[in-house]
Amino acid sequence: MSGTRQKSLIRKALHRPNLVLGGFLTGFIFLTALAAAIGTPYPTDGVSIAERLQPPTAAHWLGTDSLGRDLLSMLMKGAQNAMLMGCVAVGIGLAVGVPAGLYAAMRKGLSVDAVMRLSDLIFAFPAILTAVLIAALYGPGVTNAILAVGIFNIAVFARVTRGAALNVMGRQFVTAAAAIGRPPIAIAIHHVLPNAAGAIIIQATIQFAVAILAEAGLSYLGLGVQPPDPSWGKMLNDAQTLMFTHPMQAVVPGAAIMVAVLGLNLLGDGLRDVLDPRLRIVRSG
């Protein structure tokens, strides 16, 4: 990408409020997760029954939970687990789904049909259902939860990549590259993939948000992050009996999930406005 085009994209990005706000919220969650990796104000496994269910104070900015643990520390560690889930699950989808989608777009025949039918089969088993099946076989845990969401993401990225690649392959520069004898793999890597990257990046932000929701849902059901490690979903599960007496217990993790998902959705929407040329043409017209 040329320097002129990079500057043009940056200028367009700065004029997209949804992209700026989404980037700020997503960056805030990532920085919170990074801070948790360095250290939290209090140990997340430090139980203190004498300090249970305290309101926000100077010592505990968000209060304490039913076991006397600092809610801010739990929230920060939960952000770290949510970001880990999103990064690894999306990484699995990208690493396997993108090459499979490119292959399906560049080739024809039974092998392509097999790839697409396999993706249909994966779609028939949503991430949470897959996690339940894996947990039944191998037990609950964050590794199995990541594997379940990652497998689901493979089918998503394979379909998105194939659709974007088929759209690019109809353009003249791809036809010209094939006409001069460039091998299919070189065409896929140097011509098709860079021009399909926008759609893949946008889908990655969406799937990241889906992974965070899936992690929270699986941990709420007891199939994700296991105690004593904190999770936003587990915090919601612990707070369900305290909703009316101590609403802060549910507000804190619920707000964290909302901010993370909202930020990623706004980021994806803003990236779509900047990277999708069809939208730029429509809106400029």
C-alpha atoms as a PDB file:
ATOM      1  CA  MET A   1       0.000   0.000   0.000  1.00  0.00           C
ATOM      2  CA  SER A   2       1.453   3.373  -1.041  1.00  0.00           C
ATOM      3  CA  GLY A   3       2.079   6.181   1.417  1.00  0.00           C
ATOM      4  CA  THR A   4      -0.502   8.378  -0.307  1.00  0.00           C
ATOM      5  CA  ARG A   5      -3.190   5.736   0.036  1.00  0.00           C
ATOM      6  CA  GLN A   6      -2.267   5.148   3.682  1.00  0.00           C
ATOM      7  CA  LYS A   7      -2.636   8.869   4.436  1.00  0.00           C
ATOM      8  CA  SER A   8      -5.963   8.923   2.603  1.00  0.00           C
ATOM      9  CA  LEU A   9      -7.283   5.995   4.655  1.00  0.00           C
ATOM     10  CA  ILE A  10      -6.096   7.636   7.897  1.00  0.00           C
ATOM     11  CA  ARG A  11      -7.887  10.871   7.017  1.00  0.00           C
ATOM     12  CA  LYS A  12     -11.083   8.981   6.197  1.00  0.00           C
ATOM     13  CA  ALA A  13     -10.801   6.986   9.428  1.00  0.00           C
ATOM     14  CA  LEU A  14     -10.489  10.131  11.543  1.00  0.00           C
ATOM     15  CA  HIS A  15     -13.713  11.445  10.006  1.00  0.00           C
ATOM     16  CA  ARG A  16     -15.656   8.327  11.055  1.00  0.00           C
ATOM     17  CA  PRO A  17     -16.982   8.844  14.615  1.00  0.00           C
ATOM     18  CA  ASN A  18     -17.980   5.184  14.912  1.00  0.00           C
ATOM     19  CA  LEU A  19     -14.465   4.068  13.985  1.00  0.00           C
ATOM     20  CA  VAL A  20     -12.820   6.507  16.400  1.00  0.00           C
ATOM     21  CA  LEU A  21     -15.153   5.597  19.279  1.00  0.00           C
ATOM     22  CA  GLY A  22     -14.904   1.881  18.514  1.00  0.00           C
ATOM     23  CA  GLY A  23     -11.115   2.072  18.391  1.00  0.00           C
ATOM     24  CA  PHE A  24     -11.042   3.961  21.698  1.00  0.00           C
ATOM     25  CA  LEU A  25     -13.313   1.457  23.505  1.00  0.00           C
ATOM     26  CA  THR A  26     -11.500  -1.554  22.048  1.00  0.00           C
ATOM     27  CA  GLY A  27      -8.128  -0.050  22.895  1.00  0.00           C
ATOM     28  CA  PHE A  28      -9.289   0.625  26.449  1.00  0.00           C
ATOM     29  CA  ILE A  29     -10.274  -3.031  26.916  1.00  0.00           C
ATOM     30  CA  PHE A  30      -6.959  -4.210  25.467  1.00  0.00           C
ATOM     31  CA  LEU A  31      -5.016  -1.857  27.744  1.00  0.00           C
ATOM     32  CA  THR A  32      -7.022  -3.145  30.716  1.00  0.00           C
ATOM     33  CA  ALA A  33      -6.124  -6.713  29.762  1.00  0.00           C
ATOM     34  CA  LEU A  34      -2.465  -5.721  29.368  1.00  0.00           C
ATOM     35  CA  ALA A  35      -2.488  -4.035  32.764  1.00  0.00           C
ATOM     36  CA  ALA A  36      -3.979  -7.201  34.291  1.00  0.00           C
ATOM     37  CA  ALA A  37      -1.133  -9.241  32.809  1.00  0.00           C
ATOM     38  CA  ILE A  38       1.323  -6.949  34.599  1.00  0.00           C
ATOM     39  CA  GLY A  39      -0.584  -6.958  37.875  1.00  0.00           C
ATOM     40  CA  THR A  40      -3.922  -6.195  39.562  1.00  0.00           C
ATOM     41  CA  PRO A  41      -4.573  -3.986  42.627  1.00  0.00           C
ATOM     42  CA  TYR A  42      -5.478  -7.064  44.700  1.00  0.00           C
ATOM     43  CA  PRO A  43      -4.999 -10.821  44.201  1.00  0.00           C
ATOM     44  CA  THR A  44      -8.058 -12.243  42.430  1.00  0.00           C
ATOM     45  CA  ASP A  45      -7.947 -15.347  44.622  1.00  0.00           C
ATOM     46  CA  GLY A  46      -7.693 -13.380  47.863  1.00  0.00           C
ATOM     47  CA  VAL A  47     -10.850 -14.246  49.820  1.00  0.00           C
ATOM     48  CA  SER A  48     -11.785 -11.939  52.706  1.00  0.00           C
ATOM     49  CA  ILE A  49     -15.207 -12.714  54.157  1.00  0.00           C
ATOM     50  CA  ALA A  50     -14.941  -9.737  56.525  1.00  0.00           C
ATOM     51  CA  GLU A  51     -14.898  -7.393  53.492  1.00  0.00           C
ATOM     52  CA  ARG A  52     -17.606  -9.101  51.435  1.00  0.00           C
ATOM     53  CA  LEU A  53     -20.127  -7.057  49.411  1.00  0.00           C
ATOM     54  CA  GLN A  54     -18.616  -3.687  50.206  1.00  0.00           C
ATOM     55  CA  PRO A  55     -19.760  -0.665  48.166  1.00  0.00           C
ATOM     56  CA  PRO A  56     -17.201   1.355  46.169  1.00  0.00           C
ATOM     57  CA  THR A  57     -14.615   2.922  48.470  1.00  0.00           C
ATOM     58  CA  ALA A  58     -11.193   4.492  48.159  1.00  0.00           C
ATOM     59  CA  ALA A  59      -9.655   1.079  48.851  1.00  0.00           C
ATOM     60  CA  HIS A  60     -11.943  -0.821  46.472  1.00  0.00           C
ATOM     61  CA  TRP A  61     -13.036   1.472  43.640  1.00  0.00           C
ATOM     62  CA  LEU A  62     -15.796  -0.858  42.433  1.00  0.00           C
ATOM     63  CA  GLY A  63     -16.461  -2.604  45.741  1.00  0.00           C
ATOM     64  CA  THR A  64     -16.052  -6.278  46.591  1.00  0.00           C
ATOM     65  CA  ASP A  65     -17.917  -9.448  45.687  1.00  0.00           C
ATOM     66  CA  SER A  66     -19.612 -12.055  47.874  1.00  0.00           C
ATOM     67  CA  LEU A  67     -16.230 -13.526  48.812  1.00  0.00           C
ATOM     68  CA  GLY A  68     -14.577 -10.195  49.586  1.00  0.00           C
ATOM     69  CA  ARG A  69     -12.548 -10.090  46.374  1.00  0.00           C
ATOM     70  CA  ASP A  70     -11.840  -6.716  44.753  1.00  0.00           C
ATOM     71  CA  LEU A  71     -14.236  -6.231  41.809  1.00  0.00           C
ATOM     72  CA  LEU A  72     -11.826  -4.014  39.875  1.00  0.00           C
ATOM     73  CA  SER A  73      -9.139  -6.691  40.036  1.00  0.00           C
ATOM     74  CA  MET A  74     -11.659  -9.346  38.989  1.00  0.00           C
ATOM     75  CA  LEU A  75     -12.809  -7.123  36.116  1.00  0.00           C
ATOM     76  CA  MET A  76      -9.251  -6.575  34.878  1.00  0.00           C
ATOM     77  CA  LYS A  77      -8.409 -10.269  34.998  1.00  0.00           C
ATOM     78  CA  GLY A  78     -11.692 -11.062  33.277  1.00  0.00           C
ATOM     79  CA  ALA A  79     -10.702  -8.662  30.471  1.00  0.00           C
ATOM     80  CA  GLN A  80      -7.451 -10.563  30.073  1.00  0.00           C
ATOM     81  CA  ASN A  81      -9.300 -13.877  29.729  1.00  0.00           C
ATOM     82  CA  ALA A  82     -11.822 -12.361  27.292  1.00  0.00           C
ATOM     83  CA  MET A  83      -9.066 -10.903  25.084  1.00  0.00           C
ATOM     84  CA  LEU A  84      -7.190 -14.206  25.179  1.00  0.00           C
ATOM     85  CA  MET A  85     -10.337 -16.002  24.068  1.00  0.00           C
ATOM     86  CA  GLY A  86     -10.932 -13.535  21.242  1.00  0.00           C
ATOM     87  CA  CYS A  87      -7.350 -13.470  19.971  1.00  0.00           C
ATOM     88  CA  VAL A  88      -6.838 -17.243  19.919  1.00  0.00           C
ATOM     89  CA  ALA A  89     -10.319 -18.109  18.595  1.00  0.00           C
ATOM     90  CA  VAL A  90     -10.096 -15.529  15.800  1.00  0.00           C
ATOM     91  CA  GLY A  91      -6.511 -16.597  15.126  1.00  0.00           C
ATOM     92  CA  ILE A  92      -7.634 -20.192  14.619  1.00  0.00           C
ATOM     93  CA  GLY A  93     -10.357 -19.039  12.234  1.00  0.00           C
ATOM     94  CA  LEU A  94      -7.931 -16.884  10.245  1.00  0.00           C
ATOM     95  CA  ALA A  95      -5.148 -19.485  10.112  1.00  0.00           C
ATOM     96  CA  VAL A  96      -7.383 -22.258   8.790  1.00  0.00           C
ATOM     97  CA  GLY A  97     -10.431 -20.531   7.313  1.00  0.00           C
ATOM     98  CA  VAL A  98      -8.651 -17.987   5.083  1.00  0.00           C
ATOM     99  CA  PRO A  99      -6.469 -20.545   3.230  1.00  0.00           C
ATOM    100  CA  ALA A 100      -9.495 -22.849   2.876  1.00  0.00           C
ATOM    101  CA  GLY A 101     -11.598 -20.011   1.466  1.00  0.00           C
ATOM    102  CA  LEU A 102      -8.860 -19.003  -0.980  1.00  0.00           C
ATOM    103  CA  TYR A 103      -8.489 -22.593  -2.110  1.00  0.00           C
ATOM    104  CA  ALA A 104     -12.232 -22.917  -2.642  1.00  0.00           C
ATOM    105  CA  ALA A 105     -12.255 -19.697  -4.697  1.00  0.00           C
ATOM    106  CA  MET A 106      -9.254 -20.597  -6.870  1.00  0.00           C
ATOM    107  CA  ARG A 107     -10.157 -24.209  -7.555  1.00  0.00           C
ATOM    108  CA  LYS A 108     -13.126 -26.150  -8.864  1.00  0.00           C
ATOM    109  CA  GLY A 109     -14.255 -29.722  -8.439  1.00  0.00           C
ATOM    110  CA  LEU A 110     -15.030 -32.212  -5.714  1.00  0.00           C
ATOM    111  CA  SER A 111     -12.383 -30.902  -3.329  1.00  0.00           C
ATOM    112  CA  VAL A 112     -14.010 -27.454  -3.341  1.00  0.00           C
ATOM    113  CA  ASP A 113     -17.429 -28.988  -2.759  1.00  0.00           C
ATOM    114  CA  ALA A 114     -15.956 -30.945   0.152  1.00  0.00           C
ATOM    115  CA  VAL A 115     -14.560 -27.747   1.728  1.00  0.00           C
ATOM    116  CA  MET A 116     -17.873 -25.902   1.440  1.00  0.00           C
ATOM    117  CA  ARG A 117     -19.955 -28.855   2.690  1.00  0.00           C
ATOM    118  CA  LEU A 118     -17.605 -29.165   5.660  1.00  0.00           C
ATOM    119  CA  SER A 119     -18.192 -25.497   6.464  1.00  0.00           C
ATOM    120  CA  ASP A 120     -21.956 -26.135   6.238  1.00  0.00           C
ATOM    121  CA  LEU A 121     -21.549 -28.981   8.723  1.00  0.00           C
ATOM    122  CA  ILE A 122     -19.633 -26.737  11.139  1.00  0.00           C
ATOM    123  CA  PHE A 123     -22.332 -24.063  10.832  1.00  0.00           C
ATOM    124  CA  ALA A 124     -24.880 -26.647  11.918  1.00  0.00           C
ATOM    125  CA  PHE A 125     -23.177 -26.760  15.331  1.00  0.00           C
ATOM    126  CA  PRO A 126     -22.965 -23.269  16.911  1.00  0.00           C
ATOM    127  CA  ALA A 127     -19.983 -22.461  19.104  1.00  0.00           C
ATOM    128  CA  ILE A 128     -21.826 -22.899  22.401  1.00  0.00           C
ATOM    129  CA  LEU A 129     -23.312 -26.242  21.345  1.00  0.00           C
ATOM    130  CA  THR A 130     -19.877 -27.398  20.187  1.00  0.00           C
ATOM    131  CA  ALA A 131     -18.433 -26.344  23.546  1.00  0.00           C
ATOM    132  CA  VAL A 132     -21.091 -28.348  25.366  1.00  0.00           C
ATOM    133  CA  LEU A 133     -20.196 -31.428  23.287  1.00  0.00           C
ATOM    134  CA  ILE A 134     -16.456 -30.969  23.900  1.00  0.00           C
ATOM    135  CA  ALA A 135     -17.040 -30.390  27.619  1.00  0.00           C
ATOM    136  CA  ALA A 136     -19.087 -33.585  27.794  1.00  0.00           C
ATOM    137  CA  LEU A 137     -16.181 -35.516  26.266  1.00  0.00           C
ATOM    138  CA  TYR A 138     -13.138 -33.829  27.774  1.00  0.00           C
ATOM    139  CA  GLY A 139     -14.492 -31.695  30.629  1.00  0.00           C
ATOM    140  CA  PRO A 140     -15.045 -27.930  30.947  1.00  0.00           C
ATOM    141  CA  GLY A 141     -12.201 -25.460  30.634  1.00  0.00           C
ATOM    142  CA  VAL A 142     -10.972 -22.414  28.778  1.00  0.00           C
ATOM    143  CA  THR A 143      -8.944 -24.483  26.286  1.00  0.00           C
ATOM    144  CA  ASN A 144     -11.991 -26.450  25.177  1.00  0.00           C
ATOM    145  CA  ALA A 145     -14.049 -23.253  24.977  1.00  0.00           C
ATOM    146  CA  ILE A 146     -11.429 -21.586  22.755  1.00  0.00           C
ATOM    147  CA  LEU A 147     -11.288 -24.687  20.570  1.00  0.00           C
ATOM    148  CA  ALA A 148     -15.069 -24.704  20.136  1.00  0.00           C
ATOM    149  CA  VAL A 149     -15.258 -21.030  19.130  1.00  0.00           C
ATOM    150  CA  GLY A 150     -12.175 -21.375  16.925  1.00  0.00           C
ATOM    151  CA  ILE A 151     -13.697 -24.294  15.004  1.00  0.00           C
ATOM    152  CA  PHE A 152     -16.850 -22.270  14.395  1.00  0.00           C
ATOM    153  CA  ASN A 153     -14.744 -19.333  13.183  1.00  0.00           C
ATOM    154  CA  ILE A 154     -13.040 -21.530  10.584  1.00  0.00           C
ATOM    155  CA  ALA A 155     -16.314 -21.912   8.700  1.00  0.00           C
ATOM    156  CA  VAL A 156     -17.079 -18.185   8.996  1.00  0.00           C
ATOM    157  CA  PHE A 157     -13.734 -17.048   7.604  1.00  0.00           C
ATOM    158  CA  ALA A 158     -13.747 -19.705   4.880  1.00  0.00           C
ATOM    159  CA  ARG A 159     -17.067 -18.413   3.564  1.00  0.00           C
ATOM    160  CA  VAL A 160     -16.148 -14.725   3.852  1.00  0.00           C
ATOM    161  CA  THR A 161     -12.770 -15.261   2.183  1.00  0.00           C
ATOM    162  CA  ARG A 162     -14.256 -17.301  -0.652  1.00  0.00           C
ATOM    163  CA  GLY A 163     -16.948 -14.696  -1.327  1.00  0.00           C
ATOM    164  CA  ALA A 164     -14.466 -11.798  -1.292  1.00  0.00           C
ATOM    165  CA  ALA A 165     -11.963 -13.735  -3.403  1.00  0.00           C
ATOM    166  CA  LEU A 166     -14.552 -14.633  -6.049  1.00  0.00           C
ATOM    167  CA  ASN A 167     -15.445 -10.952  -6.290  1.00  0.00           C
ATOM    168  CA  VAL A 168     -11.784  -9.995  -6.777  1.00  0.00           C
ATOM    169  CA  MET A 169     -11.081 -12.745  -9.309  1.00  0.00           C
ATOM    170  CA  GLY A 170     -13.440 -11.167 -11.810  1.00  0.00           C
ATOM    171  CA  ARG A 171     -11.264  -8.053 -12.081  1.00  0.00           C
ATOM    172  CA  GLN A 172      -8.932  -7.337 -14.979  1.00  0.00           C
ATOM    173  CA  PHE A 173      -5.642  -7.380 -13.060  1.00  0.00           C
ATOM    174  CA  VAL A 174      -6.303 -10.960 -11.921  1.00  0.00           C
ATOM    175  CA  THR A 175      -7.193 -12.015 -15.464  1.00  0.00           C
ATOM    176  CA  ALA A 176      -4.025 -10.333 -16.720  1.00  0.00           C
ATOM    177  CA  ALA A 177      -1.882 -12.104 -14.116  1.00  0.00           C
ATOM    178  CA  ALA A 178      -3.328 -15.456 -15.183  1.00  0.00           C
ATOM    179  CA  ALA A 179      -2.813 -14.600 -18.852  1.00  0.00           C
ATOM    180  CA  ILE A 180       0.938 -14.026 -18.423  1.00  0.00           C
ATOM    181  CA  GLY A 181       1.268 -17.417 -16.772  1.00  0.00           C
ATOM    182  CA  ARG A 182       1.537 -16.600 -13.067  1.00  0.00           C
ATOM    183  CA  PRO A 183       0.803 -19.718 -10.968  1.00  0.00           C
ATOM    184  CA  PRO A 184      -2.513 -19.820  -9.069  1.00  0.00           C
ATOM    185  CA  ILE A 185      -0.856 -19.700  -5.655  1.00  0.00           C
ATOM    186  CA  ALA A 186       1.047 -16.528  -6.612  1.00  0.00           C
ATOM    187  CA  ILE A 187      -2.153 -14.944  -7.903  1.00  0.00           C
ATOM    188  CA  ALA A 188      -3.958 -15.880  -4.692  1.00  0.00           C
ATOM    189  CA  ILE A 189      -1.248 -14.480  -2.405  1.00  0.00           C
ATOM    190  CA  HIS A 190      -0.163 -11.373  -4.311  1.00  0.00           C
ATOM    191  CA  HIS A 191      -3.375 -10.279  -6.039  1.00  0.00           C
ATOM    192  CA  VAL A 192      -6.482 -11.868  -4.533  1.00  0.00           C
ATOM    193  CA  LEU A 193      -5.708 -11.915  -0.813  1.00  0.00           C
ATOM    194  CA  PRO A 194      -4.571  -8.255  -0.476  1.00  0.00           C
ATOM    195  CA  ASN A 195      -7.747  -7.063  -2.200  1.00  0.00           C
ATOM    196  CA  ALA A 196      -9.942  -9.351  -0.082  1.00  0.00           C
ATOM    197  CA  ALA A 197      -8.205  -8.360   3.153  1.00  0.00           C
ATOM    198  CA  GLY A 198     -10.682  -5.574   3.915  1.00  0.00           C
ATOM    199  CA  ALA A 199     -13.633  -7.963   4.177  1.00  0.00           C
ATOM    200  CA  ILE A 200     -11.551 -10.388   6.258  1.00  0.00           C
ATOM    201  CA  ILE A 201     -10.433  -7.674   8.691  1.00  0.00           C
ATOM    202  CA  ILE A 202     -13.995  -6.449   9.155  1.00  0.00           C
ATOM    203  CA  GLN A 203     -15.209  -9.998   9.799  1.00  0.00           C
ATOM    204  CA  ALA A 204     -12.376 -10.497  12.294  1.00  0.00           C
ATOM    205  CA  THR A 205     -13.660  -7.611  14.456  1.00  0.00           C
ATOM    206  CA  ILE A 206     -17.165  -9.075  14.359  1.00  0.00           C
ATOM    207  CA  GLN A 207     -15.962 -12.561  15.280  1.00  0.00           C
ATOM    208  CA  PHE A 208     -13.855 -11.099  18.083  1.00  0.00           C
ATOM    209  CA  ALA A 209     -17.020  -9.651  19.613  1.00  0.00           C
ATOM    210  CA  VAL A 210     -18.794 -12.986  19.105  1.00  0.00           C
ATOM    211  CA  ALA A 211     -15.910 -14.771  20.854  1.00  0.00           C
ATOM    212  CA  ILE A 212     -16.172 -12.453  23.868  1.00  0.00           C
ATOM    213  CA  LEU A 213     -19.914 -13.107  24.114  1.00  0.00           C
ATOM    214  CA  ALA A 214     -19.334 -16.837  23.711  1.00  0.00           C
ATOM    215  CA  GLU A 215     -16.679 -16.824  26.444  1.00  0.00           C
ATOM    216  CA  ALA A 216     -19.013 -14.967  28.792  1.00  0.00           C
ATOM    217  CA  GLY A 217     -21.893 -17.321  27.983  1.00  0.00           C
ATOM    218  CA  LEU A 218     -19.802 -20.465  28.382  1.00  0.00           C
ATOM    219  CA  SER A 219     -18.292 -19.255  31.665  1.00  0.00           C
ATOM    220  CA  TYR A 220     -21.783 -18.355  32.891  1.00  0.00           C
ATOM    221  CA  LEU A 221     -22.797 -21.957  32.189  1.00  0.00           C
ATOM    222  CA  GLY A 222     -19.657 -23.263  33.907  1.00  0.00           C
ATOM    223  CA  LEU A 223     -18.062 -24.515  30.667  1.00  0.00           C
ATOM    224  CA  GLY A 224     -15.464 -21.784  30.148  1.00  0.00           C
ATOM    225  CA  VAL A 225     -12.960 -20.259  32.554  1.00  0.00           C
ATOM    226  CA  GLN A 226     -12.893 -22.278  35.752  1.00  0.00           C
ATOM    227  CA  PRO A 227     -12.536 -20.923  39.324  1.00  0.00           C
ATOM    228  CA  PRO A 228     -10.502 -19.391  40.820  1.00  0.00           C
ATOM    229  CA  ASP A 229      -9.683 -17.605  37.530  1.00  0.00           C
ATOM    230  CA  PRO A 230     -12.109 -14.696  37.028  1.00  0.00           C
ATOM    231  CA  SER A 231     -14.401 -14.342  34.030  1.00  0.00           C
ATOM    232  CA  TRP A 232     -17.052 -11.764  33.214  1.00  0.00           C
ATOM    233  CA  GLY A 233     -19.576 -14.543  32.619  1.00  0.00           C
ATOM    234  CA  LYS A 234     -18.724 -16.247  35.909  1.00  0.00           C
ATOM    235  CA  MET A 235     -19.067 -12.900  37.704  1.00  0.00           C
ATOM    236  CA  LEU A 236     -22.575 -12.543  36.240  1.00  0.00           C
ATOM    237  CA  ASN A 237     -23.425 -16.062  37.382  1.00  0.00           C
ATOM    238  CA  ASP A 238     -22.250 -15.286  40.918  1.00  0.00           C
ATOM    239  CA  ALA A 239     -24.290 -12.052  40.931  1.00  0.00           C
ATOM    240  CA  GLN A 240     -27.621 -13.493  39.802  1.00  0.00           C
ATOM    241  CA  THR A 241     -28.834 -14.051  43.357  1.00  0.00           C
ATOM    242  CA  LEU A 242     -27.731 -10.537  44.400  1.00  0.00           C
ATOM    243  CA  MET A 243     -29.397  -8.551  41.619  1.00  0.00           C
ATOM    244  CA  PHE A 244     -31.806  -6.658  43.857  1.00  0.00           C
ATOM    245  CA  THR A 245     -29.767  -6.376  47.051  1.00  0.00           C
ATOM    246  CA  HIS A 246     -26.347  -5.632  45.497  1.00  0.00           C
ATOM    247  CA  PRO A 247     -26.890  -4.660  41.828  1.00  0.00           C
ATOM    248  CA  MET A 248     -23.279  -3.503  41.440  1.00  0.00           C
ATOM    249  CA  GLN A 249     -22.231  -7.143  41.357  1.00  0.00           C
ATOM    250  CA  ALA A 250     -24.022  -7.592  38.026  1.00  0.00           C
ATOM    251  CA  VAL A 251     -23.587  -4.065  36.649  1.00  0.00           C
ATOM    252  CA  VAL A 252     -19.772  -4.235  36.647  1.00  0.00           C
ATOM    253  CA  PRO A 253     -19.271  -7.364  34.480  1.00  0.00           C
ATOM    254  CA  GLY A 254     -22.359  -6.585  32.389  1.00  0.00           C
ATOM    255  CA  ALA A 255     -21.018  -3.120  31.569  1.00  0.00           C
ATOM    256  CA  ALA A 256     -17.619  -4.605  30.695  1.00  0.00           C
ATOM    257  CA  ILE A 257     -19.185  -7.045  28.228  1.00  0.00           C
ATOM    258  CA  MET A 258     -21.297  -4.250  26.737  1.00  0.00           C
ATOM    259  CA  VAL A 259     -18.323  -1.913  26.289  1.00  0.00           C
ATOM    260  CA  ALA A 260     -16.156  -4.618  24.702  1.00  0.00           C
ATOM    261  CA  VAL A 261     -18.823  -5.819  22.250  1.00  0.00           C
ATOM    262  CA  LEU A 262     -20.005  -2.289  21.425  1.00  0.00           C
ATOM    263  CA  GLY A 263     -16.450  -1.136  20.792  1.00  0.00           C
ATOM    264  CA  LEU A 264     -15.678  -4.031  18.455  1.00  0.00           C
ATOM    265  CA  ASN A 265     -18.964  -3.645  16.555  1.00  0.00           C
ATOM    266  CA  LEU A 266     -18.388   0.095  16.099  1.00  0.00           C
ATOM    267  CA  LEU A 267     -14.810  -0.624  15.028  1.00  0.00           C
ATOM    268  CA  GLY A 268     -15.998  -3.162  12.456  1.00  0.00           C
ATOM    269  CA  ASP A 269     -18.681  -0.796  11.176  1.00  0.00           C
ATOM    270  CA  GLY A 270     -16.150   2.029  10.839  1.00  0.00           C
ATOM    271  CA  LEU A 271     -13.619  -0.190   9.083  1.00  0.00           C
ATOM    272  CA  ARG A 272     -16.313  -1.271   6.650  1.00  0.00           C
ATOM    273  CA  ASP A 273     -17.026   2.371   5.805  1.00  0.00           C
ATOM    274  CA  VAL A 274     -13.325   3.032   5.183  1.00  0.00           C
ATOM    275  CA  LEU A 275     -12.245  -0.193   3.477  1.00  0.00           C
ATOM    276  CA  ASP A 276     -15.303  -1.155   1.420  1.00  0.00           C
ATOM    277  CA  PRO A 277     -15.048   0.745  -1.899  1.00  0.00           C
ATOM    278  CA  ARG A 278     -18.680   0.036  -2.791  1.00  0.00           C
ATOM    279  CA  LEU A 279     -19.874   1.894   0.298  1.00  0.00           C
ATOM    280  CA  ARG A 280     -17.579   4.803  -0.467  1.00  0.00           C
ATOM    281  CA  ILE A 281     -19.024   5.042  -3.992  1.00  0.00           C
ATOM    282  CA  VAL A 282     -22.630   4.878  -2.755  1.00  0.00           C
ATOM    283  CA  ARG A 283     -22.154   7.450   0.010  1.00  0.00           C
ATOM    284  CA  SER A 284     -20.143   9.834  -2.162  1.00  0.00           C
ATOM    285  CA  GLY A 285     -22.891   9.633  -4.801  1.00  0.00           C
END
